[in-house]
Amino acid sequence: MKKQFNRMKQLANQTVGRARKCLCIERRLDTVRSVCHNSHKRLVTCFQGQHGTEADKRHVSASLSACT
């Protein structure tokens, strides 16, 4: 009976340890996921070519000033 109790105690400790490890891993994954999300958003804005739109604005304003 004592051996069975000790065995059950060991199994319970192992499952608690696994649960703690899973929580720690989930926290790490959340931080990695948020970093990836933010990086993706920034890369998308870079690849959209914001510089091209600024050049277009300058071109339009230059043509307007030439007409007047």
C-alpha atoms as a PDB file:
ATOM      1  CA  MET A   1       0.000   0.000   0.000  1.00  0.00           C
ATOM      2  CA  LYS A   2       2.811   2.387   0.869  1.00  0.00           C
ATOM      3  CA  LYS A   3       4.581   1.674  -2.418  1.00  0.00           C
ATOM      4  CA  GLN A   4       1.413   2.414  -4.362  1.00  0.00           C
ATOM      5  CA  PHE A   5       0.958   5.687  -2.492  1.00  0.00           C
ATOM      6  CA  ASN A   6       4.543   6.738  -3.223  1.00  0.00           C
ATOM      7  CA  ARG A   7       4.106   5.796  -6.878  1.00  0.00           C
ATOM      8  CA  MET A   8       0.934   7.865  -7.157  1.00  0.00           C
ATOM      9  CA  LYS A   9       2.700  10.759  -5.446  1.00  0.00           C
ATOM     10  CA  GLN A  10       5.543  10.564  -7.982  1.00  0.00           C
ATOM     11  CA  LEU A  11       3.097  10.502 -10.883  1.00  0.00           C
ATOM     12  CA  ALA A  12       1.262  13.533  -9.488  1.00  0.00           C
ATOM     13  CA  ASN A  13       4.521  15.440  -9.114  1.00  0.00           C
ATOM     14  CA  GLN A  14       5.477  14.596 -12.696  1.00  0.00           C
ATOM     15  CA  THR A  15       2.178  15.854 -14.090  1.00  0.00           C
ATOM     16  CA  VAL A  16       2.448  19.085 -12.079  1.00  0.00           C
ATOM     17  CA  GLY A  17       5.985  19.566 -13.364  1.00  0.00           C
ATOM     18  CA  ARG A  18       4.796  19.015 -16.929  1.00  0.00           C
ATOM     19  CA  ALA A  19       1.986  21.511 -16.477  1.00  0.00           C
ATOM     20  CA  ARG A  20       4.453  24.140 -15.265  1.00  0.00           C
ATOM     21  CA  LYS A  21       6.734  23.447 -18.210  1.00  0.00           C
ATOM     22  CA  CYS A  22       3.795  23.745 -20.600  1.00  0.00           C
ATOM     23  CA  LEU A  23       2.827  27.115 -19.138  1.00  0.00           C
ATOM     24  CA  CYS A  24       6.390  28.331 -19.469  1.00  0.00           C
ATOM     25  CA  ILE A  25       6.550  27.153 -23.069  1.00  0.00           C
ATOM     26  CA  GLU A  26       3.200  28.793 -23.850  1.00  0.00           C
ATOM     27  CA  ARG A  27       4.457  32.108 -22.457  1.00  0.00           C
ATOM     28  CA  ARG A  28       7.553  31.902 -24.622  1.00  0.00           C
ATOM     29  CA  LEU A  29       5.446  31.077 -27.662  1.00  0.00           C
ATOM     30  CA  ASP A  30       3.202  34.060 -26.993  1.00  0.00           C
ATOM     31  CA  THR A  31       6.169  36.421 -26.929  1.00  0.00           C
ATOM     32  CA  VAL A  32       7.626  34.885 -30.091  1.00  0.00           C
ATOM     33  CA  ARG A  33       4.229  35.069 -31.778  1.00  0.00           C
ATOM     34  CA  SER A  34       3.833  38.757 -30.920  1.00  0.00           C
ATOM     35  CA  VAL A  35       7.370  39.552 -32.128  1.00  0.00           C
ATOM     36  CA  CYS A  36       6.694  37.765 -35.418  1.00  0.00           C
ATOM     37  CA  HIS A  37       3.384  39.580 -35.833  1.00  0.00           C
ATOM     38  CA  ASN A  38       4.951  43.004 -35.237  1.00  0.00           C
ATOM     39  CA  SER A  39       7.872  42.230 -37.539  1.00  0.00           C
ATOM     40  CA  HIS A  40       5.493  41.109 -40.272  1.00  0.00           C
ATOM     41  CA  LYS A  41       3.479  44.316 -39.994  1.00  0.00           C
ATOM     42  CA  ARG A  42       6.619  46.434 -40.250  1.00  0.00           C
ATOM     43  CA  LEU A  43       7.969  44.463 -43.206  1.00  0.00           C
ATOM     44  CA  VAL A  44       4.677  44.786 -45.054  1.00  0.00           C
ATOM     45  CA  THR A  45       4.749  48.562 -44.642  1.00  0.00           C
ATOM     46  CA  CYS A  46       8.343  48.633 -45.878  1.00  0.00           C
ATOM     47  CA  PHE A  47       7.557  46.567 -48.955  1.00  0.00           C
ATOM     48  CA  GLN A  48       4.506  48.634 -49.851  1.00  0.00           C
ATOM     49  CA  GLY A  49       6.845  51.306 -51.094  1.00  0.00           C
ATOM     50  CA  GLN A  50       6.048  54.372 -49.084  1.00  0.00           C
ATOM     51  CA  HIS A  51       8.852  56.193 -50.877  1.00  0.00           C
ATOM     52  CA  GLY A  52       7.067  55.758 -54.194  1.00  0.00           C
ATOM     53  CA  THR A  53       3.939  57.447 -52.890  1.00  0.00           C
ATOM     54  CA  GLU A  54       5.979  60.390 -51.665  1.00  0.00           C
ATOM     55  CA  ALA A  55       7.546  60.724 -55.127  1.00  0.00           C
ATOM     56  CA  ASP A  56       4.093  60.633 -56.688  1.00  0.00           C
ATOM     57  CA  LYS A  57       2.956  63.425 -54.368  1.00  0.00           C
ATOM     58  CA  ARG A  58       5.964  65.520 -55.336  1.00  0.00           C
ATOM     59  CA  HIS A  59       5.295  64.893 -59.005  1.00  0.00           C
ATOM     60  CA  VAL A  60       1.648  65.966 -58.678  1.00  0.00           C
ATOM     61  CA  SER A  61       2.527  69.087 -56.702  1.00  0.00           C
ATOM     62  CA  ALA A  62       5.244  70.017 -59.209  1.00  0.00           C
ATOM     63  CA  SER A  63       2.820  69.672 -62.131  1.00  0.00           C
ATOM     64  CA  LEU A  64       0.236  71.779 -60.297  1.00  0.00           C
ATOM     65  CA  SER A  65       2.738  74.525 -59.605  1.00  0.00           C
ATOM     66  CA  ALA A  66       3.850  74.511 -63.256  1.00  0.00           C
ATOM     67  CA  CYS A  67       0.277  75.051 -64.440  1.00  0.00           C
ATOM     68  CA  THR A  68      -0.276  78.188 -62.406  1.00  0.00           C
END
